[in-house]
Amino acid sequence: MPEIFWYFLRLGWLAFGGPVGQIGLMHLEVVERRKWIDEDEFVRALNFCHVLPGPEALQLAIYIGYKKGRYLGGLLAGVLFILPGYITLTALAWIYVRFGKSPRVLGVLWGFRPVGLALLLAALVRISRAALKGIFPAVLAVAAFVAFYFGRLPFILVLVGCGLVFIAWRAMGPGSRASAMLALLLLPGGAEAAGSALERVRDISWFFLKVGLFSFGGAYAVLPYIREGAVSTYGWITDHQMIDALALGETTPGPLISIGIFVGFLAGNGAGVPWLGATAATFWLFLPSFVFVLGAARHMDRLTSMPGVKEFLKGVTSGVVGLMFSISIPLAKVAFMPRGEIDWITVVLGLAAFAALTFWRWRLNVVVVVLAGGALGLLRAFAPGLFGGALS
């Protein structure tokens, strides 16, 4: 237990840069250096985590803790992995609420927002390259976009529908597949926040439990669902605050889905219980990961080889592309039109960040790009004349 405690506490504070970097750190330490598990089991465990909803890096940490120290070890590893993110994001949320209207903080946020949008679009490009291999996955992504953005269908319904449609498509003959694609292209569009502190915490808890249960495809994939609930349904936060949460989440350790902690703090703040809101969001957001991994770890091989599971997840990933594109539209308005009209300096900053994250040969660390945007925003607050005037 002491080994698990000190390793995962240190890992939690070093877990910047998204799941790829976090998983790489775990592989280096637990496979190559400590030899807690071998290469083959590490790969199978990673595939196992991809099948489950929730952040794969956290689930992998729970699994490794389970292999080293059974259920108590898995629980300890998972809690220590997310603890630094809880501490830093609640602290940032407190600063955001208390000082978010000061000119200096507004300047930093101005620089964060286009970078946050660039992060979303860069992730969209990466996921599209991996998922949209063939005409049908691309058509499915377009159908998901239409259903969510224009049809206003629920996030979960769209993703589950995409997974089931992909399974059905794989079972069809060539003629039936052509008809299915045509039907998807012709898909038609269809279709108050709680007052008391207790009701607010209940709503936060229920909402983030659903996020944790249906967060397939990584943190960026679940952003549309978080925005749908926190901005559109409950009205806890605005699109400005949503993109601020995304940018600030990239500067803190732990899974990116931890931005739910920031959102929970702001949601609770509206009812006078910010810390309780953040804590409830943390508990219910990550609870499914602990339950699924610790409950299914013994059945890892059988679960990953079940027929239809991989096809379902491929369909879900195609749907994720469409949903990510749908939320990029309102967030782009927030980032690029901070004063109601297009701010071309912001547009240039966003494009530069996107290029650095996606196309530049020596890609910069995500945290570096976010902090660079914040530094430019702070410079604009001190020297507005260099950037066409002060921010309103």
Protein backbone atom coordinates (compact mmCIF):
# COMPACT_ATOMS: atom_id res chain seq x y z
CA MET A 1 0.00 0.00 0.00
CA PRO A 2 2.76 2.53 0.68
CA GLU A 3 4.15 1.88 -2.82
CA ILE A 4 0.73 2.45 -4.37
CA PHE A 5 0.15 5.56 -2.25
CA TRP A 6 3.38 7.36 -3.08
CA TYR A 7 3.48 6.38 -6.76
CA PHE A 8 -0.07 7.41 -7.63
CA LEU A 9 0.10 10.56 -5.52
CA ARG A 10 3.17 11.61 -7.51
CA LEU A 11 1.58 10.53 -10.80
CA GLY A 12 -1.54 12.57 -10.04
CA TRP A 13 0.51 15.77 -9.75
CA LEU A 14 2.46 14.99 -12.94
CA ALA A 15 -0.55 13.93 -15.03
CA PHE A 16 -0.66 16.85 -17.46
CA GLY A 17 -1.21 16.69 -21.21
CA GLY A 18 -4.15 14.36 -21.65
CA PRO A 19 -4.51 10.56 -21.64
CA VAL A 20 -1.68 9.81 -24.08
CA GLY A 21 0.94 11.41 -21.83
CA GLN A 22 -0.62 9.98 -18.65
CA ILE A 23 -0.75 6.45 -20.06
CA GLY A 24 2.83 6.83 -21.28
CA LEU A 25 3.98 7.77 -17.78
CA MET A 26 2.24 4.73 -16.31
CA HIS A 27 3.75 2.41 -18.92
CA LEU A 28 7.25 3.70 -18.23
CA GLU A 29 6.91 3.21 -14.50
CA VAL A 30 4.73 0.11 -13.93
CA VAL A 31 5.91 -1.96 -16.93
CA GLU A 32 9.51 -0.96 -17.59
CA ARG A 33 10.78 0.18 -14.19
CA ARG A 34 8.71 -1.40 -11.40
CA LYS A 35 7.49 -4.39 -13.46
CA TRP A 36 4.16 -4.58 -11.63
CA ILE A 37 2.56 -5.95 -14.83
CA ASP A 38 4.02 -7.08 -18.15
CA GLU A 39 3.63 -5.49 -21.60
CA ASP A 40 0.93 -7.88 -22.76
CA GLU A 41 -1.28 -7.29 -19.73
CA PHE A 42 -0.79 -3.53 -19.98
CA VAL A 43 -2.07 -3.55 -23.59
CA ARG A 44 -5.02 -5.78 -22.71
CA ALA A 45 -5.85 -3.55 -19.73
CA LEU A 46 -5.77 -0.49 -21.99
CA ASN A 47 -8.17 -2.18 -24.44
CA PHE A 48 -10.37 -3.09 -21.49
CA CYS A 49 -10.50 0.57 -20.39
CA HIS A 50 -11.40 1.70 -23.92
CA VAL A 51 -14.49 -0.52 -23.77
CA LEU A 52 -15.73 1.11 -20.54
CA PRO A 53 -17.23 4.60 -20.24
CA GLY A 54 -15.06 7.14 -18.46
CA PRO A 55 -11.49 8.49 -18.68
CA GLU A 56 -9.21 5.65 -19.75
CA ALA A 57 -6.12 6.97 -17.91
CA LEU A 58 -7.99 7.00 -14.58
CA GLN A 59 -9.40 3.54 -15.25
CA LEU A 60 -5.97 2.20 -16.12
CA ALA A 61 -4.64 3.62 -12.84
CA ILE A 62 -7.48 1.90 -10.96
CA TYR A 63 -6.75 -1.39 -12.73
CA ILE A 64 -3.03 -1.22 -11.96
CA GLY A 65 -3.83 -0.44 -8.33
CA TYR A 66 -6.21 -3.42 -8.29
CA LYS A 67 -3.52 -5.75 -9.68
CA LYS A 68 -1.02 -4.54 -7.10
CA GLY A 69 -3.28 -4.25 -4.04
CA ARG A 70 -6.68 -5.75 -4.91
CA TYR A 71 -9.79 -3.63 -4.32
CA LEU A 72 -8.30 -1.32 -1.70
CA GLY A 73 -5.28 -0.74 -3.96
CA GLY A 74 -7.53 0.11 -6.93
CA LEU A 75 -9.59 2.53 -4.84
CA LEU A 76 -6.48 4.21 -3.44
CA ALA A 77 -4.83 4.53 -6.88
CA GLY A 78 -7.93 6.10 -8.44
CA VAL A 79 -8.53 8.57 -5.61
CA LEU A 80 -4.90 9.73 -5.61
CA PHE A 81 -4.93 10.10 -9.39
CA ILE A 82 -7.88 12.54 -9.35
CA LEU A 83 -7.07 14.32 -6.05
CA PRO A 84 -4.63 16.91 -7.53
CA GLY A 85 -7.17 17.85 -10.20
CA TYR A 86 -9.85 18.33 -7.56
CA ILE A 87 -7.59 20.57 -5.48
CA THR A 88 -6.32 22.72 -8.37
CA LEU A 89 -9.65 23.06 -10.22
CA THR A 90 -11.64 24.03 -7.13
CA ALA A 91 -8.95 26.59 -6.29
CA LEU A 92 -9.06 27.98 -9.84
CA ALA A 93 -12.86 28.04 -9.75
CA TRP A 94 -12.77 30.03 -6.49
CA ILE A 95 -10.35 32.55 -8.03
CA TYR A 96 -12.52 32.67 -11.16
CA VAL A 97 -15.68 33.45 -9.19
CA ARG A 98 -14.01 35.94 -6.86
CA PHE A 99 -11.75 37.81 -9.29
CA GLY A 100 -13.14 36.91 -12.72
CA LYS A 101 -14.33 40.45 -13.47
CA SER A 102 -10.98 42.18 -12.90
CA PRO A 103 -9.27 43.54 -16.04
CA ARG A 104 -6.19 41.37 -15.57
CA VAL A 105 -8.18 38.15 -15.21
CA LEU A 106 -10.41 39.15 -18.13
CA GLY A 107 -7.27 39.59 -20.21
CA VAL A 108 -5.96 36.13 -19.33
CA LEU A 109 -9.36 34.60 -20.12
CA TRP A 110 -9.43 36.42 -23.47
CA GLY A 111 -6.18 34.64 -24.33
CA PHE A 112 -7.43 31.30 -23.00
CA ARG A 113 -10.66 31.18 -25.01
CA PRO A 114 -9.34 30.94 -28.59
CA VAL A 115 -6.72 28.46 -27.39
CA GLY A 116 -9.47 26.42 -25.73
CA LEU A 117 -11.37 26.37 -29.02
CA ALA A 118 -8.17 25.38 -30.84
CA LEU A 119 -7.75 22.47 -28.43
CA LEU A 120 -11.27 21.30 -29.21
CA LEU A 121 -10.74 21.56 -32.98
CA ALA A 122 -7.34 19.84 -32.79
CA ALA A 123 -8.95 16.96 -30.90
CA LEU A 124 -11.72 16.90 -33.51
CA VAL A 125 -9.10 16.50 -36.27
CA ARG A 126 -7.33 13.67 -34.40
CA ILE A 127 -10.54 11.77 -33.67
CA SER A 128 -11.80 12.29 -37.23
CA ARG A 129 -8.61 10.85 -38.70
CA ALA A 130 -8.92 7.78 -36.50
CA ALA A 131 -12.68 7.25 -36.72
CA LEU A 132 -13.86 8.36 -40.15
CA LYS A 133 -12.17 5.69 -42.25
CA GLY A 134 -14.67 5.11 -45.03
CA ILE A 135 -17.81 6.78 -46.31
CA PHE A 136 -20.29 5.34 -43.83
CA PRO A 137 -18.58 6.59 -40.62
CA ALA A 138 -18.41 10.08 -42.19
CA VAL A 139 -22.12 9.93 -43.09
CA LEU A 140 -22.89 8.77 -39.55
CA ALA A 141 -20.95 11.73 -38.13
CA VAL A 142 -22.93 14.15 -40.34
CA ALA A 143 -26.19 12.51 -39.24
CA ALA A 144 -25.17 12.88 -35.57
CA PHE A 145 -24.41 16.56 -36.12
CA VAL A 146 -27.80 17.16 -37.77
CA ALA A 147 -29.68 15.22 -35.09
CA PHE A 148 -27.99 17.05 -32.20
CA TYR A 149 -27.55 20.58 -33.58
CA PHE A 150 -30.73 20.96 -35.61
CA GLY A 151 -32.95 18.18 -34.28
CA ARG A 152 -32.08 18.92 -30.62
CA LEU A 153 -32.10 15.21 -29.83
CA PRO A 154 -30.57 14.16 -26.48
CA PHE A 155 -26.84 13.50 -26.45
CA ILE A 156 -27.17 9.95 -25.12
CA LEU A 157 -29.84 9.02 -27.65
CA VAL A 158 -27.64 10.19 -30.52
CA LEU A 159 -24.55 8.27 -29.37
CA VAL A 160 -26.38 5.03 -28.54
CA GLY A 161 -28.20 5.30 -31.88
CA CYS A 162 -24.90 5.72 -33.73
CA GLY A 163 -23.47 2.64 -32.01
CA LEU A 164 -26.49 0.47 -32.87
CA VAL A 165 -26.65 1.76 -36.46
CA PHE A 166 -22.97 0.90 -36.98
CA ILE A 167 -23.56 -2.66 -35.73
CA ALA A 168 -26.54 -3.03 -38.07
CA TRP A 169 -24.57 -1.59 -40.99
CA ARG A 170 -21.75 -4.10 -40.53
CA ALA A 171 -24.31 -6.90 -40.71
CA MET A 172 -25.90 -5.66 -43.96
CA GLY A 173 -25.16 -6.52 -47.57
CA PRO A 174 -23.83 -3.93 -50.07
CA GLY A 175 -27.29 -2.97 -51.37
CA SER A 176 -28.74 -2.51 -47.90
CA ARG A 177 -25.73 -0.43 -46.87
CA ALA A 178 -26.35 2.04 -49.69
CA SER A 179 -29.98 2.42 -48.59
CA ALA A 180 -28.91 2.94 -44.97
CA MET A 181 -26.51 5.73 -45.95
CA LEU A 182 -29.22 7.44 -47.99
CA ALA A 183 -31.61 7.25 -45.04
CA LEU A 184 -29.02 8.79 -42.73
CA LEU A 185 -28.37 11.65 -45.15
CA LEU A 186 -32.11 12.41 -45.21
CA LEU A 187 -32.41 12.26 -41.42
CA PRO A 188 -34.96 14.90 -40.39
CA GLY A 189 -34.58 17.26 -37.46
CA GLY A 190 -36.97 16.64 -34.56
CA ALA A 191 -37.70 17.74 -31.76
CA GLU A 192 -35.73 25.73 -14.63
CA ALA A 193 -32.78 25.28 -12.75
CA ALA A 194 -33.47 24.20 -9.13
CA GLY A 195 -33.83 26.93 -6.55
CA SER A 196 -32.73 25.51 -3.20
CA ALA A 197 -29.22 24.39 -2.34
CA LEU A 198 -30.40 20.82 -1.73
CA GLU A 199 -32.13 20.64 -5.11
CA ARG A 200 -29.08 22.14 -6.80
CA VAL A 201 -26.75 19.53 -5.30
CA ARG A 202 -29.22 16.80 -6.25
CA ASP A 203 -29.32 18.06 -9.85
CA ILE A 204 -25.51 18.33 -9.98
CA SER A 205 -25.18 14.78 -8.62
CA TRP A 206 -27.68 13.25 -11.05
CA PHE A 207 -26.28 15.12 -14.03
CA PHE A 208 -22.65 14.17 -13.42
CA LEU A 209 -23.57 10.57 -12.69
CA LYS A 210 -25.07 10.44 -16.20
CA VAL A 211 -21.92 12.06 -17.60
CA GLY A 212 -19.78 9.42 -15.91
CA LEU A 213 -22.01 6.60 -17.14
CA PHE A 214 -22.05 7.70 -20.77
CA SER A 215 -18.60 9.25 -21.26
CA PHE A 216 -17.46 7.02 -24.11
CA GLY A 217 -14.72 8.28 -26.42
CA GLY A 218 -12.67 10.39 -24.02
CA ALA A 219 -13.10 13.77 -22.38
CA TYR A 220 -13.52 15.78 -25.58
CA ALA A 221 -16.28 13.41 -26.63
CA VAL A 222 -18.32 14.20 -23.52
CA LEU A 223 -17.98 17.99 -23.80
CA PRO A 224 -21.19 18.25 -25.87
CA TYR A 225 -23.08 16.46 -23.11
CA ILE A 226 -21.64 18.69 -20.37
CA ARG A 227 -22.51 21.79 -22.38
CA GLU A 228 -26.00 20.51 -23.18
CA GLY A 229 -26.76 20.04 -19.49
CA ALA A 230 -24.79 22.81 -17.80
CA VAL A 231 -25.49 25.56 -20.37
CA SER A 232 -28.68 24.70 -22.26
CA THR A 233 -30.74 22.59 -19.85
CA TYR A 234 -29.91 23.86 -16.36
CA GLY A 235 -28.39 27.24 -17.20
CA TRP A 236 -25.73 26.85 -14.53
CA ILE A 237 -22.98 28.41 -16.69
CA THR A 238 -22.62 30.34 -19.95
CA ASP A 239 -20.72 29.44 -23.10
CA HIS A 240 -18.03 31.88 -21.97
CA GLN A 241 -17.60 29.90 -18.77
CA MET A 242 -17.70 26.59 -20.63
CA ILE A 243 -14.75 27.47 -22.84
CA ASP A 244 -12.94 28.95 -19.82
CA ALA A 245 -13.43 25.60 -18.05
CA LEU A 246 -11.93 23.80 -21.05
CA ALA A 247 -8.85 26.01 -21.14
CA LEU A 248 -8.31 25.93 -17.36
CA GLY A 249 -8.81 22.17 -17.33
CA GLU A 250 -5.87 21.78 -19.71
CA THR A 251 -3.56 23.60 -17.28
CA THR A 252 -4.29 21.27 -14.35
CA PRO A 253 -3.21 17.67 -13.65
CA GLY A 254 -5.55 14.72 -14.04
CA PRO A 255 -8.11 13.65 -16.66
CA LEU A 256 -9.51 16.45 -18.83
CA ILE A 257 -13.01 15.33 -17.89
CA SER A 258 -12.17 16.89 -14.51
CA ILE A 259 -13.48 20.16 -15.93
CA GLY A 260 -16.73 18.79 -14.51
CA ILE A 261 -15.32 19.77 -11.10
CA PHE A 262 -15.00 23.38 -12.27
CA VAL A 263 -18.52 23.30 -13.71
CA GLY A 264 -19.85 21.78 -10.48
CA PHE A 265 -18.24 24.57 -8.45
CA LEU A 266 -19.89 27.25 -10.61
CA ALA A 267 -23.22 25.38 -10.55
CA GLY A 268 -23.11 25.14 -6.76
CA ASN A 269 -22.02 28.76 -6.49
CA GLY A 270 -25.34 29.80 -8.04
CA ALA A 271 -27.10 28.30 -4.99
CA GLY A 272 -24.50 29.36 -2.42
CA VAL A 273 -22.82 25.95 -2.09
CA PRO A 274 -19.81 26.06 -4.48
CA TRP A 275 -17.57 23.59 -2.62
CA LEU A 276 -20.42 21.15 -2.14
CA GLY A 277 -21.24 21.44 -5.85
CA ALA A 278 -17.62 20.70 -6.82
CA THR A 279 -17.42 17.75 -4.43
CA ALA A 280 -20.72 16.26 -5.61
CA ALA A 281 -19.63 16.63 -9.24
CA THR A 282 -16.30 14.91 -8.49
CA PHE A 283 -17.86 11.99 -6.63
CA TRP A 284 -20.61 11.17 -9.13
CA LEU A 285 -18.50 11.92 -12.22
CA PHE A 286 -15.83 9.37 -11.31
CA LEU A 287 -17.89 6.83 -9.37
CA PRO A 288 -18.82 4.78 -12.50
CA SER A 289 -15.14 4.36 -13.40
CA PHE A 290 -14.39 2.81 -10.00
CA VAL A 291 -17.48 0.59 -10.12
CA PHE A 292 -16.88 -0.62 -13.68
CA VAL A 293 -13.15 -1.29 -13.36
CA LEU A 294 -13.19 -2.92 -9.93
CA GLY A 295 -16.34 -4.86 -10.77
CA ALA A 296 -15.23 -6.10 -14.18
CA ALA A 297 -11.45 -6.44 -13.79
CA ARG A 298 -11.71 -10.23 -13.34
CA HIS A 299 -13.62 -10.50 -16.62
CA MET A 300 -11.29 -8.29 -18.67
CA ASP A 301 -10.49 -10.78 -21.45
CA ARG A 302 -14.08 -11.89 -21.98
CA LEU A 303 -15.43 -8.34 -22.03
CA THR A 304 -12.98 -7.08 -24.65
CA SER A 305 -13.68 -10.05 -26.96
CA MET A 306 -17.50 -9.83 -26.89
CA PRO A 307 -19.02 -9.66 -30.40
CA GLY A 308 -20.44 -6.30 -31.34
CA VAL A 309 -18.58 -4.30 -28.67
CA LYS A 310 -15.92 -2.94 -31.03
CA GLU A 311 -18.50 -2.14 -33.73
CA PHE A 312 -20.70 -0.34 -31.21
CA LEU A 313 -17.78 1.80 -30.03
CA LYS A 314 -16.80 2.62 -33.63
CA GLY A 315 -20.32 3.89 -34.25
CA VAL A 316 -20.22 5.91 -31.03
CA THR A 317 -16.92 7.47 -32.08
CA SER A 318 -18.40 8.55 -35.43
CA GLY A 319 -21.27 10.16 -33.54
CA VAL A 320 -18.80 11.90 -31.25
CA VAL A 321 -17.22 13.66 -34.25
CA GLY A 322 -20.59 15.15 -35.21
CA LEU A 323 -21.37 16.22 -31.64
CA MET A 324 -17.96 17.82 -31.15
CA PHE A 325 -18.46 19.83 -34.33
CA SER A 326 -21.89 20.93 -33.10
CA ILE A 327 -20.56 22.49 -29.88
CA SER A 328 -17.62 24.13 -31.66
CA ILE A 329 -20.09 26.54 -33.34
CA PRO A 330 -21.43 28.32 -30.21
CA LEU A 331 -18.01 28.19 -28.55
CA ALA A 332 -16.43 29.78 -31.64
CA LYS A 333 -18.89 32.66 -31.33
CA VAL A 334 -17.84 33.15 -27.72
CA ALA A 335 -14.11 32.97 -28.48
CA PHE A 336 -13.99 35.00 -31.69
CA MET A 337 -16.69 37.60 -30.92
CA PRO A 338 -15.90 38.68 -27.33
CA ARG A 339 -17.47 42.13 -27.89
CA GLY A 340 -20.31 41.14 -30.19
CA GLU A 341 -18.32 41.47 -33.42
CA ILE A 342 -15.43 39.49 -34.89
CA ASP A 343 -12.15 40.21 -33.13
CA TRP A 344 -9.57 39.38 -35.78
CA ILE A 345 -6.70 39.32 -33.30
CA THR A 346 -8.53 36.58 -31.42
CA VAL A 347 -9.10 34.70 -34.68
CA VAL A 348 -5.38 34.85 -35.51
CA LEU A 349 -4.47 33.66 -32.01
CA GLY A 350 -6.90 30.73 -32.30
CA LEU A 351 -5.58 29.72 -35.73
CA ALA A 352 -1.98 29.94 -34.52
CA ALA A 353 -2.77 27.73 -31.53
CA PHE A 354 -4.59 25.23 -33.76
CA ALA A 355 -1.64 25.08 -36.15
CA ALA A 356 0.84 24.59 -33.29
CA LEU A 357 -1.26 21.76 -31.85
CA THR A 358 -2.08 20.01 -35.13
CA PHE A 359 0.36 20.67 -37.97
CA TRP A 360 3.61 22.04 -36.60
CA ARG A 361 6.35 19.44 -36.76
CA TRP A 362 7.59 20.14 -33.23
CA ARG A 363 4.22 20.20 -31.51
CA LEU A 364 4.20 22.14 -28.28
CA ASN A 365 2.89 20.77 -24.99
CA VAL A 366 -0.78 21.62 -24.51
CA VAL A 367 -0.11 23.37 -21.21
CA VAL A 368 2.52 25.57 -22.87
CA VAL A 369 0.08 26.62 -25.61
CA VAL A 370 -2.66 27.45 -23.09
CA LEU A 371 -0.33 29.46 -20.85
CA ALA A 372 1.06 31.31 -23.88
CA GLY A 373 -2.48 32.37 -24.79
CA GLY A 374 -3.03 33.55 -21.23
CA ALA A 375 0.23 35.52 -21.30
CA LEU A 376 -0.86 37.30 -24.51
CA GLY A 377 -4.19 38.07 -22.90
CA LEU A 378 -2.44 39.56 -19.87
CA LEU A 379 -0.29 41.67 -22.20
CA ARG A 380 -3.47 42.92 -23.87
CA ALA A 381 -4.85 43.92 -20.48
CA PHE A 382 -1.70 45.96 -19.70
CA ALA A 383 -1.15 47.34 -23.23
CA PRO A 384 -4.56 47.39 -24.98
CA GLY A 385 -3.31 49.73 -27.68
CA LEU A 386 -1.21 46.92 -29.17
CA PHE A 387 -4.34 44.81 -29.69
CA GLY A 388 -6.88 47.28 -30.98
CA GLY A 389 -8.31 48.43 -27.64
CA ALA A 390 -9.30 47.15 -24.25
CA LEU A 391 -11.67 44.28 -23.65
CA SER A 392 -15.15 45.12 -22.45
